[in-house]
PDB file of N, CA and C in Angstrom:
ATOM      1  N   MET A   1      74.559  52.332 -35.067  1.00  0.00           N
ATOM      2  CA  MET A   1      73.420  52.033 -34.239  1.00  0.00           C
ATOM      3  C   MET A   1      73.765  52.467 -32.811  1.00  0.00           C
ATOM      4  N   TYR A   2      72.785  53.031 -32.123  1.00  0.00           N
ATOM      5  CA  TYR A   2      72.970  53.544 -30.770  1.00  0.00           C
ATOM      6  C   TYR A   2      72.209  52.673 -29.774  1.00  0.00           C
ATOM      7  N   TRP A   3      72.920  52.116 -28.801  1.00  0.00           N
ATOM      8  CA  TRP A   3      72.316  51.295 -27.751  1.00  0.00           C
ATOM      9  C   TRP A   3      71.998  52.177 -26.560  1.00  0.00           C
ATOM     10  N   ARG A   4      70.772  52.067 -26.039  1.00  0.00           N
ATOM     11  CA  ARG A   4      70.331  52.862 -24.892  1.00  0.00           C
ATOM     12  C   ARG A   4      70.228  51.986 -23.659  1.00  0.00           C
ATOM     13  N   LYS A   5      70.813  52.469 -22.573  1.00  0.00           N
ATOM     14  CA  LYS A   5      70.722  51.795 -21.287  1.00  0.00           C
ATOM     15  C   LYS A   5      69.587  52.395 -20.483  1.00  0.00           C
ATOM     16  N   SER A   6      69.050  51.632 -19.603  1.00  0.00           N
ATOM     17  CA  SER A   6      68.006  52.120 -18.714  1.00  0.00           C
ATOM     18  C   SER A   6      68.522  53.285 -17.878  1.00  0.00           C
ATOM     19  N   SER A   7      67.664  54.247 -17.623  1.00  0.00           N
ATOM     20  CA  SER A   7      68.040  55.374 -16.773  1.00  0.00           C
ATOM     21  C   SER A   7      68.231  54.931 -15.324  1.00  0.00           C
ATOM     22  N   TYR A   8      67.778  53.749 -14.980  1.00  0.00           N
ATOM     23  CA  TYR A   8      67.955  53.212 -13.636  1.00  0.00           C
ATOM     24  C   TYR A   8      69.326  52.576 -13.439  1.00  0.00           C
ATOM     25  N   SER A   9      70.084  52.406 -14.505  1.00  0.00           N
ATOM     26  CA  SER A   9      71.393  51.772 -14.422  1.00  0.00           C
ATOM     27  C   SER A   9      72.467  52.806 -14.140  1.00  0.00           C
ATOM     28  N   GLY A  10      73.480  52.369 -13.457  1.00  0.00           N
ATOM     29  CA  GLY A  10      74.628  53.239 -13.224  1.00  0.00           C
ATOM     30  C   GLY A  10      75.506  53.280 -14.456  1.00  0.00           C
ATOM     31  N   GLU A  11      76.472  54.117 -14.431  1.00  0.00           N
ATOM     32  CA  GLU A  11      77.357  54.278 -15.593  1.00  0.00           C
ATOM     33  C   GLU A  11      78.570  53.349 -15.555  1.00  0.00           C
ATOM     34  N   ASP A  12      78.897  52.779 -14.403  1.00  0.00           N
ATOM     35  CA  ASP A  12      80.091  51.940 -14.334  1.00  0.00           C
ATOM     36  C   ASP A  12      79.804  50.518 -14.812  1.00  0.00           C
ATOM     37  N   ALA A  13      80.857  49.739 -14.965  1.00  0.00           N
ATOM     38  CA  ALA A  13      80.752  48.392 -15.539  1.00  0.00           C
ATOM     39  C   ALA A  13      79.998  47.422 -14.633  1.00  0.00           C
ATOM     40  N   GLU A  14      79.871  47.721 -13.346  1.00  0.00           N
ATOM     41  CA  GLU A  14      79.192  46.806 -12.427  1.00  0.00           C
ATOM     42  C   GLU A  14      77.674  46.909 -12.500  1.00  0.00           C
ATOM     43  N   HIS A  15      77.145  47.886 -13.192  1.00  0.00           N
ATOM     44  CA  HIS A  15      75.703  48.063 -13.313  1.00  0.00           C
ATOM     45  C   HIS A  15      75.241  47.569 -14.685  1.00  0.00           C
ATOM     46  N   ASN A  16      75.075  46.260 -14.796  1.00  0.00           N
ATOM     47  CA  ASN A  16      74.635  45.659 -16.042  1.00  0.00           C
ATOM     48  C   ASN A  16      73.120  45.733 -16.158  1.00  0.00           C
ATOM     49  N   CYS A  17      72.641  45.829 -17.378  1.00  0.00           N
ATOM     50  CA  CYS A  17      71.200  45.925 -17.586  1.00  0.00           C
ATOM     51  C   CYS A  17      70.871  45.562 -19.025  1.00  0.00           C
ATOM     52  N   VAL A  18      69.605  45.625 -19.330  1.00  0.00           N
ATOM     53  CA  VAL A  18      69.146  45.416 -20.697  1.00  0.00           C
ATOM     54  C   VAL A  18      69.332  46.716 -21.463  1.00  0.00           C
ATOM     55  N   GLU A  19      69.814  46.603 -22.690  1.00  0.00           N
ATOM     56  CA  GLU A  19      69.984  47.754 -23.566  1.00  0.00           C
ATOM     57  C   GLU A  19      69.087  47.579 -24.789  1.00  0.00           C
ATOM     58  N   LEU A  20      68.605  48.682 -25.325  1.00  0.00           N
ATOM     59  CA  LEU A  20      67.735  48.668 -26.497  1.00  0.00           C
ATOM     60  C   LEU A  20      68.342  49.491 -27.615  1.00  0.00           C
ATOM     61  N   ALA A  21      68.080  49.075 -28.848  1.00  0.00           N
ATOM     62  CA  ALA A  21      68.479  49.842 -30.027  1.00  0.00           C
ATOM     63  C   ALA A  21      67.402  49.659 -31.082  1.00  0.00           C
ATOM     64  N   GLN A  22      67.203  50.691 -31.872  1.00  0.00           N
ATOM     65  CA  GLN A  22      66.253  50.591 -32.984  1.00  0.00           C
ATOM     66  C   GLN A  22      67.044  50.496 -34.272  1.00  0.00           C
ATOM     67  N   VAL A  23      66.661  49.561 -35.112  1.00  0.00           N
ATOM     68  CA  VAL A  23      67.334  49.374 -36.396  1.00  0.00           C
ATOM     69  C   VAL A  23      66.853  50.468 -37.349  1.00  0.00           C
ATOM     70  N   PRO A  24      67.771  51.264 -37.880  1.00  0.00           N
ATOM     71  CA  PRO A  24      67.356  52.327 -38.803  1.00  0.00           C
ATOM     72  C   PRO A  24      66.633  51.773 -40.032  1.00  0.00           C
ATOM     73  N   ASN A  25      65.550  52.437 -40.416  1.00  0.00           N
ATOM     74  CA  ASN A  25      64.765  52.087 -41.609  1.00  0.00           C
ATOM     75  C   ASN A  25      64.118  50.707 -41.554  1.00  0.00           C
ATOM     76  N   VAL A  26      64.057  50.102 -40.360  1.00  0.00           N
ATOM     77  CA  VAL A  26      63.433  48.792 -40.186  1.00  0.00           C
ATOM     78  C   VAL A  26      62.579  48.870 -38.926  1.00  0.00           C
ATOM     79  N   THR A  27      61.442  48.211 -38.951  1.00  0.00           N
ATOM     80  CA  THR A  27      60.581  48.212 -37.774  1.00  0.00           C
ATOM     81  C   THR A  27      61.002  47.081 -36.849  1.00  0.00           C
ATOM     82  N   ALA A  28      62.148  47.237 -36.220  1.00  0.00           N
ATOM     83  CA  ALA A  28      62.651  46.225 -35.296  1.00  0.00           C
ATOM     84  C   ALA A  28      63.330  46.907 -34.119  1.00  0.00           C
ATOM     85  N   ILE A  29      63.185  46.289 -32.967  1.00  0.00           N
ATOM     86  CA  ILE A  29      63.861  46.730 -31.758  1.00  0.00           C
ATOM     87  C   ILE A  29      64.810  45.601 -31.363  1.00  0.00           C
ATOM     88  N   LEU A  30      66.046  45.956 -31.066  1.00  0.00           N
ATOM     89  CA  LEU A  30      67.034  44.975 -30.635  1.00  0.00           C
ATOM     90  C   LEU A  30      67.233  45.108 -29.137  1.00  0.00           C
ATOM     91  N   LEU A  31      67.399  43.981 -28.457  1.00  0.00           N
ATOM     92  CA  LEU A  31      67.653  43.952 -27.019  1.00  0.00           C
ATOM     93  C   LEU A  31      68.905  43.139 -26.761  1.00  0.00           C
ATOM     94  N   ARG A  32      69.675  43.560 -25.770  1.00  0.00           N
ATOM     95  CA  ARG A  32      70.840  42.784 -25.353  1.00  0.00           C
ATOM     96  C   ARG A  32      71.111  43.072 -23.881  1.00  0.00           C
ATOM     97  N   GLU A  33      71.803  42.168 -23.238  1.00  0.00           N
ATOM     98  CA  GLU A  33      72.245  42.348 -21.863  1.00  0.00           C
ATOM     99  C   GLU A  33      73.621  43.006 -21.928  1.00  0.00           C
ATOM    100  N   SER A  34      73.843  44.045 -21.156  1.00  0.00           N
ATOM    101  CA  SER A  34      75.086  44.800 -21.281  1.00  0.00           C
ATOM    102  C   SER A  34      76.328  43.983 -20.954  1.00  0.00           C
ATOM    103  N   ASP A  35      76.202  42.942 -20.129  1.00  0.00           N
ATOM    104  CA  ASP A  35      77.379  42.120 -19.845  1.00  0.00           C
ATOM    105  C   ASP A  35      77.527  40.953 -20.824  1.00  0.00           C
ATOM    106  N   GLN A  36      76.598  40.793 -21.765  1.00  0.00           N
ATOM    107  CA  GLN A  36      76.667  39.783 -22.829  1.00  0.00           C
ATOM    108  C   GLN A  36      76.271  40.436 -24.156  1.00  0.00           C
ATOM    109  N   PRO A  37      76.982  41.463 -24.607  1.00  0.00           N
ATOM    110  CA  PRO A  37      76.544  42.239 -25.771  1.00  0.00           C
ATOM    111  C   PRO A  37      76.528  41.479 -27.091  1.00  0.00           C
ATOM    112  N   GLN A  38      77.167  40.320 -27.157  1.00  0.00           N
ATOM    113  CA  GLN A  38      77.182  39.563 -28.410  1.00  0.00           C
ATOM    114  C   GLN A  38      75.867  38.827 -28.653  1.00  0.00           C
ATOM    115  N   THR A  39      75.044  38.666 -27.610  1.00  0.00           N
ATOM    116  CA  THR A  39      73.749  38.005 -27.744  1.00  0.00           C
ATOM    117  C   THR A  39      72.673  39.067 -27.906  1.00  0.00           C
ATOM    118  N   VAL A  40      72.024  39.080 -29.072  1.00  0.00           N
ATOM    119  CA  VAL A  40      71.037  40.109 -29.393  1.00  0.00           C
ATOM    120  C   VAL A  40      69.720  39.440 -29.770  1.00  0.00           C
ATOM    121  N   ILE A  41      68.627  39.970 -29.240  1.00  0.00           N
ATOM    122  CA  ILE A  41      67.286  39.485 -29.550  1.00  0.00           C
ATOM    123  C   ILE A  41      66.564  40.589 -30.315  1.00  0.00           C
ATOM    124  N   ALA A  42      65.881  40.232 -31.384  1.00  0.00           N
ATOM    125  CA  ALA A  42      65.104  41.202 -32.168  1.00  0.00           C
ATOM    126  C   ALA A  42      63.620  40.991 -31.893  1.00  0.00           C
ATOM    127  N   THR A  43      62.890  42.092 -31.806  1.00  0.00           N
ATOM    128  CA  THR A  43      61.450  42.043 -31.599  1.00  0.00           C
ATOM    129  C   THR A  43      60.805  43.229 -32.309  1.00  0.00           C
ATOM    130  N   THR A  44      59.498  43.267 -32.279  1.00  0.00           N
ATOM    131  CA  THR A  44      58.778  44.394 -32.883  1.00  0.00           C
ATOM    132  C   THR A  44      58.411  45.389 -31.784  1.00  0.00           C
ATOM    133  N   PRO A  45      58.166  46.637 -32.138  1.00  0.00           N
ATOM    134  CA  PRO A  45      57.729  47.608 -31.135  1.00  0.00           C
ATOM    135  C   PRO A  45      56.445  47.165 -30.421  1.00  0.00           C
ATOM    136  N   ALA A  46      55.493  46.579 -31.145  1.00  0.00           N
ATOM    137  CA  ALA A  46      54.235  46.135 -30.536  1.00  0.00           C
ATOM    138  C   ALA A  46      54.472  45.026 -29.513  1.00  0.00           C
ATOM    139  N   ALA A  47      55.324  44.079 -29.833  1.00  0.00           N
ATOM    140  CA  ALA A  47      55.616  42.985 -28.906  1.00  0.00           C
ATOM    141  C   ALA A  47      56.344  43.503 -27.669  1.00  0.00           C
ATOM    142  N   LEU A  48      57.237  44.458 -27.841  1.00  0.00           N
ATOM    143  CA  LEU A  48      57.943  45.032 -26.701  1.00  0.00           C
ATOM    144  C   LEU A  48      56.973  45.804 -25.803  1.00  0.00           C
ATOM    145  N   ARG A  49      56.053  46.560 -26.398  1.00  0.00           N
ATOM    146  CA  ARG A  49      55.032  47.268 -25.613  1.00  0.00           C
ATOM    147  C   ARG A  49      54.190  46.286 -24.809  1.00  0.00           C
ATOM    148  N   ALA A  50      53.804  45.172 -25.424  1.00  0.00           N
ATOM    149  CA  ALA A  50      53.006  44.161 -24.731  1.00  0.00           C
ATOM    150  C   ALA A  50      53.791  43.555 -23.568  1.00  0.00           C
ATOM    151  N   LEU A  51      55.072  43.307 -23.751  1.00  0.00           N
ATOM    152  CA  LEU A  51      55.903  42.768 -22.683  1.00  0.00           C
ATOM    153  C   LEU A  51      55.999  43.762 -21.528  1.00  0.00           C
ATOM    154  N   VAL A  52      56.246  45.017 -21.833  1.00  0.00           N
ATOM    155  CA  VAL A  52      56.361  46.034 -20.784  1.00  0.00           C
ATOM    156  C   VAL A  52      55.045  46.167 -20.016  1.00  0.00           C
ATOM    157  N   ARG A  53      53.933  46.155 -20.720  1.00  0.00           N
ATOM    158  CA  ARG A  53      52.623  46.220 -20.053  1.00  0.00           C
ATOM    159  C   ARG A  53      52.432  45.026 -19.113  1.00  0.00           C
ATOM    160  N   ALA A  54      52.805  43.842 -19.565  1.00  0.00           N
ATOM    161  CA  ALA A  54      52.650  42.635 -18.748  1.00  0.00           C
ATOM    162  C   ALA A  54      53.545  42.685 -17.510  1.00  0.00           C
ATOM    163  N   VAL A  55      54.769  43.163 -17.669  1.00  0.00           N
ATOM    164  CA  VAL A  55      55.682  43.284 -16.527  1.00  0.00           C
ATOM    165  C   VAL A  55      55.118  44.276 -15.520  1.00  0.00           C
ATOM    166  N   ARG A  56      54.677  45.425 -16.004  1.00  0.00           N
ATOM    167  CA  ARG A  56      54.111  46.445 -15.102  1.00  0.00           C
ATOM    168  C   ARG A  56      52.856  45.941 -14.396  1.00  0.00           C
ATOM    169  N   ALA A  57      52.092  45.088 -15.045  1.00  0.00           N
ATOM    170  CA  ALA A  57      50.866  44.545 -14.455  1.00  0.00           C
ATOM    171  C   ALA A  57      51.152  43.419 -13.463  1.00  0.00           C
ATOM    172  N   GLY A  58      52.410  42.990 -13.368  1.00  0.00           N
ATOM    173  CA  GLY A  58      52.775  41.946 -12.414  1.00  0.00           C
ATOM    174  C   GLY A  58      52.550  40.539 -12.898  1.00  0.00           C
ATOM    175  N   ARG A  59      52.380  40.349 -14.188  1.00  0.00           N
ATOM    176  CA  ARG A  59      52.078  39.011 -14.710  1.00  0.00           C
ATOM    177  C   ARG A  59      53.233  38.017 -14.580  1.00  0.00           C
ATOM    178  N   PHE A  60      54.428  38.506 -14.305  1.00  0.00           N
ATOM    179  CA  PHE A  60      55.584  37.621 -14.172  1.00  0.00           C
ATOM    180  C   PHE A  60      56.102  37.534 -12.735  1.00  0.00           C
ATOM    181  N   ASP A  61      55.402  38.144 -11.811  1.00  0.00           N
ATOM    182  CA  ASP A  61      55.862  38.187 -10.422  1.00  0.00           C
ATOM    183  C   ASP A  61      56.030  36.797  -9.822  1.00  0.00           C
ATOM    184  N   GLN A  62      55.169  35.857 -10.164  1.00  0.00           N
ATOM    185  CA  GLN A  62      55.242  34.517  -9.586  1.00  0.00           C
ATOM    186  C   GLN A  62      56.480  33.760 -10.058  1.00  0.00           C
ATOM    187  N   LEU A  63      57.120  34.173 -11.118  1.00  0.00           N
ATOM    188  CA  LEU A  63      58.309  33.483 -11.624  1.00  0.00           C
ATOM    189  C   LEU A  63      59.505  33.654 -10.700  1.00  0.00           C
ATOM    190  N   SER A  64      59.525  34.688  -9.888  1.00  0.00           N
ATOM    191  CA  SER A  64      60.664  34.940  -9.005  1.00  0.00           C
ATOM    192  C   SER A  64      60.575  34.161  -7.694  1.00  0.00           C
ATOM    193  N   ARG A  65      59.531  33.416  -7.505  1.00  0.00           N
ATOM    194  CA  ARG A  65      59.368  32.644  -6.258  1.00  0.00           C
ATOM    195  C   ARG A  65      59.884  31.253  -6.386  1.00  0.00           C
TER     196      ARG A  65
END
């Protein structure tokens, strides 16, 4: 399985980020934090698309206040 890092992340160990992997022959997307790789969350492509749309739309902006 191949884990992909965001293109916005640096290559060194100090640039931690979310990584994604697709499970071969299964409709699942795996997510993990690069500094905690043992913790993995599974989701569907549709749910991940909905999350990305919501983040881009600013629906979670108030959580950082």
